[in-house]
C-alpha atoms as a PDB file:
ATOM      1  CA  MET A   1     171.663 369.174 347.052  1.00  0.00           C
ATOM      2  CA  ILE A   2     170.318 367.959 350.338  1.00  0.00           C
ATOM      3  CA  GLY A   3     172.236 364.243 351.160  1.00  0.00           C
ATOM      4  CA  LYS A   4     170.977 363.417 354.646  1.00  0.00           C
ATOM      5  CA  LEU A   5     168.917 365.654 357.216  1.00  0.00           C
ATOM      6  CA  THR A   6     169.109 365.249 360.947  1.00  0.00           C
ATOM      7  CA  GLY A   7     166.301 367.220 363.293  1.00  0.00           C
ATOM      8  CA  THR A   8     163.043 366.589 364.928  1.00  0.00           C
ATOM      9  CA  VAL A   9     159.653 365.218 363.849  1.00  0.00           C
ATOM     10  CA  THR A  10     157.159 367.953 363.908  1.00  0.00           C
ATOM     11  CA  ASP A  11     154.299 365.857 361.836  1.00  0.00           C
ATOM     12  CA  LEU A  12     153.447 362.782 360.843  1.00  0.00           C
ATOM     13  CA  CYS A  13     151.303 361.814 357.716  1.00  0.00           C
ATOM     14  CA  GLN A  14     150.252 359.421 355.554  1.00  0.00           C
ATOM     15  CA  GLU A  15     153.210 359.237 352.816  1.00  0.00           C
ATOM     16  CA  SER A  16     155.770 361.743 354.546  1.00  0.00           C
ATOM     17  CA  LEU A  17     156.698 363.051 357.766  1.00  0.00           C
ATOM     18  CA  ILE A  18     157.898 367.001 358.837  1.00  0.00           C
ATOM     19  CA  LEU A  19     161.153 366.943 360.161  1.00  0.00           C
ATOM     20  CA  ASP A  20     162.249 370.483 361.825  1.00  0.00           C
ATOM     21  CA  VAL A  21     166.145 370.652 360.988  1.00  0.00           C
ATOM     22  CA  GLY A  22     167.180 374.350 362.797  1.00  0.00           C
ATOM     23  CA  GLY A  23     164.124 376.072 362.780  1.00  0.00           C
ATOM     24  CA  VAL A  24     162.929 375.121 359.174  1.00  0.00           C
ATOM     25  CA  GLY A  25     160.205 372.118 358.589  1.00  0.00           C
ATOM     26  CA  TYR A  26     161.676 369.976 355.534  1.00  0.00           C
ATOM     27  CA  ASN A  27     158.455 367.302 354.017  1.00  0.00           C
ATOM     28  CA  VAL A  28     159.965 364.101 353.566  1.00  0.00           C
ATOM     29  CA  PHE A  29     158.231 360.976 351.832  1.00  0.00           C
ATOM     30  CA  THR A  30     159.320 358.021 353.038  1.00  0.00           C
ATOM     31  CA  THR A  31     157.870 354.298 353.879  1.00  0.00           C
ATOM     32  CA  ARG A  32     154.492 354.576 355.903  1.00  0.00           C
ATOM     33  CA  ARG A  33     156.375 351.260 357.520  1.00  0.00           C
ATOM     34  CA  LEU A  34     158.664 353.909 359.316  1.00  0.00           C
ATOM     35  CA  ILE A  35     156.335 356.401 359.604  1.00  0.00           C
ATOM     36  CA  ASP A  36     154.064 354.156 362.179  1.00  0.00           C
ATOM     37  CA  SER A  37     157.397 353.403 363.995  1.00  0.00           C
ATOM     38  CA  LEU A  38     157.984 357.142 365.014  1.00  0.00           C
ATOM     39  CA  ARG A  39     156.523 359.789 367.351  1.00  0.00           C
ATOM     40  CA  THR A  40     156.315 363.125 366.982  1.00  0.00           C
ATOM     41  CA  GLY A  41     159.650 364.904 368.960  1.00  0.00           C
ATOM     42  CA  GLN A  42     161.579 362.002 368.236  1.00  0.00           C
ATOM     43  CA  ASN A  43     164.759 362.684 366.633  1.00  0.00           C
ATOM     44  CA  LEU A  44     165.259 361.358 363.141  1.00  0.00           C
ATOM     45  CA  SER A  45     168.425 361.376 360.385  1.00  0.00           C
ATOM     46  CA  LEU A  46     167.072 360.299 357.088  1.00  0.00           C
ATOM     47  CA  TYR A  47     169.182 359.880 353.642  1.00  0.00           C
ATOM     48  CA  ILE A  48     167.696 362.033 350.882  1.00  0.00           C
ATOM     49  CA  GLU A  49     166.775 361.435 347.575  1.00  0.00           C
ATOM     50  CA  HIS A  50     166.037 365.155 346.264  1.00  0.00           C
ATOM     51  CA  TYR A  51     163.902 364.521 343.011  1.00  0.00           C
ATOM     52  CA  PHE A  52     163.055 367.715 341.431  1.00  0.00           C
ATOM     53  CA  SER A  53     161.211 369.086 337.740  1.00  0.00           C
ATOM     54  CA  GLU A  54     159.561 371.584 335.886  1.00  0.00           C
ATOM     55  CA  ASN A  55     156.809 370.920 338.376  1.00  0.00           C
ATOM     56  CA  ILE A  56     157.403 369.138 341.411  1.00  0.00           C
ATOM     57  CA  ASN A  57     159.745 368.991 344.071  1.00  0.00           C
ATOM     58  CA  LYS A  58     160.218 366.337 346.620  1.00  0.00           C
ATOM     59  CA  LEU A  59     162.300 364.894 349.438  1.00  0.00           C
ATOM     60  CA  TYR A  60     162.198 361.218 349.925  1.00  0.00           C
ATOM     61  CA  GLY A  61     163.642 359.940 353.211  1.00  0.00           C
ATOM     62  CA  PHE A  62     165.666 356.464 353.890  1.00  0.00           C
ATOM     63  CA  GLU A  63     166.571 355.186 357.033  1.00  0.00           C
ATOM     64  CA  CYS A  64     170.063 353.718 356.016  1.00  0.00           C
ATOM     65  CA  LYS A  65     172.139 354.166 352.821  1.00  0.00           C
ATOM     66  CA  LYS A  66     171.416 350.982 351.562  1.00  0.00           C
ATOM     67  CA  SER A  67     168.049 351.207 351.302  1.00  0.00           C
ATOM     68  CA  GLN A  68     168.528 354.634 349.064  1.00  0.00           C
ATOM     69  CA  GLU A  69     171.001 353.280 347.281  1.00  0.00           C
ATOM     70  CA  VAL A  70     168.141 350.409 346.852  1.00  0.00           C
ATOM     71  CA  ALA A  71     165.985 352.854 345.796  1.00  0.00           C
ATOM     72  CA  ARG A  72     167.886 354.776 343.386  1.00  0.00           C
ATOM     73  CA  MET A  73     168.766 351.516 341.412  1.00  0.00           C
ATOM     74  CA  LEU A  74     164.919 351.390 341.182  1.00  0.00           C
ATOM     75  CA  SER A  75     164.484 354.247 340.280  1.00  0.00           C
ATOM     76  CA  LYS A  76     166.282 354.200 336.860  1.00  0.00           C
ATOM     77  CA  VAL A  77     163.862 350.975 335.918  1.00  0.00           C
ATOM     78  CA  LYS A  78     161.374 352.755 332.955  1.00  0.00           C
ATOM     79  CA  GLY A  79     157.921 353.199 334.983  1.00  0.00           C
ATOM     80  CA  ILE A  80     159.748 353.837 338.357  1.00  0.00           C
ATOM     81  CA  ASN A  81     159.661 356.195 340.306  1.00  0.00           C
ATOM     82  CA  TYR A  82     160.736 356.841 343.934  1.00  0.00           C
ATOM     83  CA  LYS A  83     157.296 357.029 344.840  1.00  0.00           C
ATOM     84  CA  ILE A  84     157.018 352.945 343.601  1.00  0.00           C
ATOM     85  CA  ALA A  85     160.231 352.375 345.099  1.00  0.00           C
ATOM     86  CA  LEU A  86     159.452 353.607 348.518  1.00  0.00           C
ATOM     87  CA  SER A  87     156.065 350.951 348.069  1.00  0.00           C
ATOM     88  CA  LEU A  88     158.515 348.427 347.687  1.00  0.00           C
ATOM     89  CA  LEU A  89     160.576 348.887 350.620  1.00  0.00           C
ATOM     90  CA  ASN A  90     157.052 349.219 353.031  1.00  0.00           C
ATOM     91  CA  HIS A  91     155.834 346.301 351.344  1.00  0.00           C
ATOM     92  CA  LEU A  92     158.902 344.054 351.875  1.00  0.00           C
ATOM     93  CA  GLU A  93     161.931 344.799 354.421  1.00  0.00           C
ATOM     94  CA  LEU A  94     164.570 345.517 352.998  1.00  0.00           C
ATOM     95  CA  GLY A  95     166.858 342.068 352.697  1.00  0.00           C
ATOM     96  CA  GLU A  96     163.684 340.291 351.237  1.00  0.00           C
ATOM     97  CA  LEU A  97     163.227 343.105 348.566  1.00  0.00           C
ATOM     98  CA  ILE A  98     167.204 342.324 347.387  1.00  0.00           C
ATOM     99  CA  LEU A  99     166.314 338.733 347.819  1.00  0.00           C
ATOM    100  CA  ALA A 100     163.634 339.257 345.580  1.00  0.00           C
ATOM    101  CA  ILE A 101     165.453 340.661 342.836  1.00  0.00           C
ATOM    102  CA  GLN A 102     168.611 338.632 343.670  1.00  0.00           C
ATOM    103  CA  ASN A 103     166.211 335.531 342.873  1.00  0.00           C
ATOM    104  CA  LYS A 104     164.181 336.164 340.356  1.00  0.00           C
ATOM    105  CA  ASP A 105     161.003 335.826 342.294  1.00  0.00           C
ATOM    106  CA  GLU A 106     158.636 337.864 340.311  1.00  0.00           C
ATOM    107  CA  SER A 107     155.520 336.817 342.778  1.00  0.00           C
ATOM    108  CA  ARG A 108     157.175 338.796 345.593  1.00  0.00           C
ATOM    109  CA  LEU A 109     157.499 341.957 343.176  1.00  0.00           C
ATOM    110  CA  LYS A 110     153.990 342.197 342.457  1.00  0.00           C
ATOM    111  CA  ILE A 111     152.287 344.273 344.713  1.00  0.00           C
ATOM    112  CA  LYS A 112     149.307 347.369 343.798  1.00  0.00           C
ATOM    113  CA  GLY A 113     150.427 349.747 340.894  1.00  0.00           C
ATOM    114  CA  ILE A 114     152.915 347.036 339.508  1.00  0.00           C
ATOM    115  CA  GLY A 115     152.457 345.040 337.388  1.00  0.00           C
ATOM    116  CA  GLU A 116     153.861 341.960 335.949  1.00  0.00           C
ATOM    117  CA  LYS A 117     155.263 343.647 332.581  1.00  0.00           C
ATOM    118  CA  LEU A 118     157.053 345.980 335.289  1.00  0.00           C
ATOM    119  CA  VAL A 119     157.954 343.124 337.744  1.00  0.00           C
ATOM    120  CA  LYS A 120     159.692 341.440 334.777  1.00  0.00           C
ATOM    121  CA  ARG A 121     161.570 345.021 333.560  1.00  0.00           C
ATOM    122  CA  ILE A 122     162.812 345.151 336.954  1.00  0.00           C
ATOM    123  CA  ILE A 123     164.686 342.271 337.493  1.00  0.00           C
ATOM    124  CA  THR A 124     165.446 341.962 333.603  1.00  0.00           C
ATOM    125  CA  GLU A 125     166.762 345.748 334.417  1.00  0.00           C
ATOM    126  CA  THR A 126     168.215 345.274 337.717  1.00  0.00           C
ATOM    127  CA  TYR A 127     169.197 342.052 337.943  1.00  0.00           C
ATOM    128  CA  GLU A 128     172.984 342.170 337.761  1.00  0.00           C
ATOM    129  CA  ASP A 129     173.320 345.320 340.186  1.00  0.00           C
ATOM    130  CA  PHE A 130     171.096 343.768 343.091  1.00  0.00           C
ATOM    131  CA  LEU A 131     173.775 340.600 342.960  1.00  0.00           C
ATOM    132  CA  LYS A 132     176.717 342.980 343.625  1.00  0.00           C
ATOM    133  CA  LEU A 133     174.143 343.747 347.096  1.00  0.00           C
ATOM    134  CA  ASP A 134     175.232 342.480 350.233  1.00  0.00           C
ATOM    135  CA  LEU A 135     172.274 340.948 351.851  1.00  0.00           C
ATOM    136  CA  GLN A 136     173.891 341.842 355.619  1.00  0.00           C
ATOM    137  CA  LEU A 137     172.304 344.680 357.025  1.00  0.00           C
ATOM    138  CA  PRO A 138     172.665 346.460 360.394  1.00  0.00           C
ATOM    139  CA  GLY A 139     170.373 345.054 362.905  1.00  0.00           C
ATOM    140  CA  THR A 140     169.542 342.049 360.683  1.00  0.00           C
ATOM    141  CA  VAL A 141     169.780 338.591 360.863  1.00  0.00           C
ATOM    142  CA  SER A 142     172.815 336.919 359.025  1.00  0.00           C
ATOM    143  CA  SER A 143     173.258 336.985 355.328  1.00  0.00           C
ATOM    144  CA  THR A 144     172.514 332.573 355.343  1.00  0.00           C
ATOM    145  CA  ASN A 145     169.904 332.764 357.570  1.00  0.00           C
ATOM    146  CA  ILE A 146     167.929 335.454 355.415  1.00  0.00           C
ATOM    147  CA  HIS A 147     167.661 332.592 352.897  1.00  0.00           C
ATOM    148  CA  ILE A 148     165.969 330.714 355.656  1.00  0.00           C
ATOM    149  CA  VAL A 149     163.648 333.915 356.687  1.00  0.00           C
ATOM    150  CA  SER A 150     162.294 334.244 353.288  1.00  0.00           C
ATOM    151  CA  GLU A 151     161.311 330.289 353.050  1.00  0.00           C
ATOM    152  CA  ALA A 152     159.512 330.458 356.311  1.00  0.00           C
ATOM    153  CA  VAL A 153     157.291 333.190 355.475  1.00  0.00           C
ATOM    154  CA  SER A 154     156.944 332.441 352.074  1.00  0.00           C
ATOM    155  CA  ALA A 155     155.320 328.827 353.768  1.00  0.00           C
ATOM    156  CA  LEU A 156     153.331 330.582 356.307  1.00  0.00           C
ATOM    157  CA  VAL A 157     151.872 332.488 353.226  1.00  0.00           C
ATOM    158  CA  LYS A 158     150.966 329.608 351.948  1.00  0.00           C
ATOM    159  CA  LEU A 159     149.376 328.681 354.734  1.00  0.00           C
ATOM    160  CA  GLY A 160     147.363 331.823 354.968  1.00  0.00           C
ATOM    161  CA  PHE A 161     149.047 333.924 357.436  1.00  0.00           C
ATOM    162  CA  GLN A 162     149.247 337.498 356.465  1.00  0.00           C
ATOM    163  CA  HIS A 163     153.089 338.965 355.369  1.00  0.00           C
ATOM    164  CA  LYS A 164     153.812 341.255 358.097  1.00  0.00           C
ATOM    165  CA  PRO A 165     152.572 339.468 360.751  1.00  0.00           C
ATOM    166  CA  SER A 166     154.628 336.470 359.619  1.00  0.00           C
ATOM    167  CA  HIS A 167     158.018 338.105 358.711  1.00  0.00           C
ATOM    168  CA  LYS A 168     157.790 339.159 362.756  1.00  0.00           C
ATOM    169  CA  VAL A 169     157.166 336.083 364.258  1.00  0.00           C
ATOM    170  CA  VAL A 170     159.844 334.616 362.131  1.00  0.00           C
ATOM    171  CA  MET A 171     162.590 337.097 362.767  1.00  0.00           C
ATOM    172  CA  GLU A 172     161.893 337.218 366.353  1.00  0.00           C
ATOM    173  CA  ILE A 173     162.611 333.454 366.702  1.00  0.00           C
ATOM    174  CA  MET A 174     165.270 334.276 364.302  1.00  0.00           C
ATOM    175  CA  THR A 175     167.384 336.614 366.463  1.00  0.00           C
ATOM    176  CA  ASN A 176     166.745 334.618 368.999  1.00  0.00           C
ATOM    177  CA  GLN A 177     167.764 331.358 367.776  1.00  0.00           C
ATOM    178  CA  PRO A 178     169.884 331.959 365.027  1.00  0.00           C
ATOM    179  CA  ALA A 179     171.090 328.449 363.910  1.00  0.00           C
ATOM    180  CA  ILE A 180     167.148 326.946 363.872  1.00  0.00           C
ATOM    181  CA  GLU A 181     166.376 324.702 361.126  1.00  0.00           C
ATOM    182  CA  ILE A 182     163.380 325.956 359.221  1.00  0.00           C
ATOM    183  CA  ALA A 183     161.164 322.796 359.889  1.00  0.00           C
ATOM    184  CA  GLU A 184     161.635 323.788 364.042  1.00  0.00           C
ATOM    185  CA  LEU A 185     161.034 327.643 362.594  1.00  0.00           C
ATOM    186  CA  ILE A 186     157.649 326.981 360.811  1.00  0.00           C
ATOM    187  CA  THR A 187     156.449 324.907 363.812  1.00  0.00           C
ATOM    188  CA  LEU A 188     157.463 327.525 365.960  1.00  0.00           C
ATOM    189  CA  ALA A 189     155.812 330.453 364.401  1.00  0.00           C
ATOM    190  CA  LEU A 190     152.553 328.833 363.487  1.00  0.00           C
ATOM    191  CA  LYS A 191     152.150 328.043 367.632  1.00  0.00           C
ATOM    192  CA  MET A 192     153.239 332.250 367.956  1.00  0.00           C
ATOM    193  CA  LEU A 193     150.918 333.251 364.972  1.00  0.00           C
END
């Protein structure tokens, strides 16, 4: 069983990348967000989930143990596989995904391929496990501030702004001013969008 791969990115595809490890190229499926942030020739380490059945043999790669753990928990839900788990991780930042399930925020989890019934099943079947997860992630704002980030991004989306640019701007502000009040955060974000 493969647990982690470290190597050089040789190819970037739509849903996967090729990671050269000691002369062997592994096709690893991962988030579009990660693929877009990489370039060929770059060194990369990924935590791996190796999925195989009678006809399928796929590797799914995650940047950190926590995102791997979240995908593993999601894949235990009937109707969710690693591909759908990656879609959720691509749609929401890891902390936002955890928070959405902890807060039973169904609207945040509705994406292409995941209908209302499946969202309810995700929350019902994973809620207790997700409550045990710490929101503090490496390189992110504090767990207290993740709630503020989530509220600010939700407010900006309700005002008609796209989620990804809103989240990026809010995170930038929070990184530079972690003690900012939510009203001031939204005002600053509006000026930057």
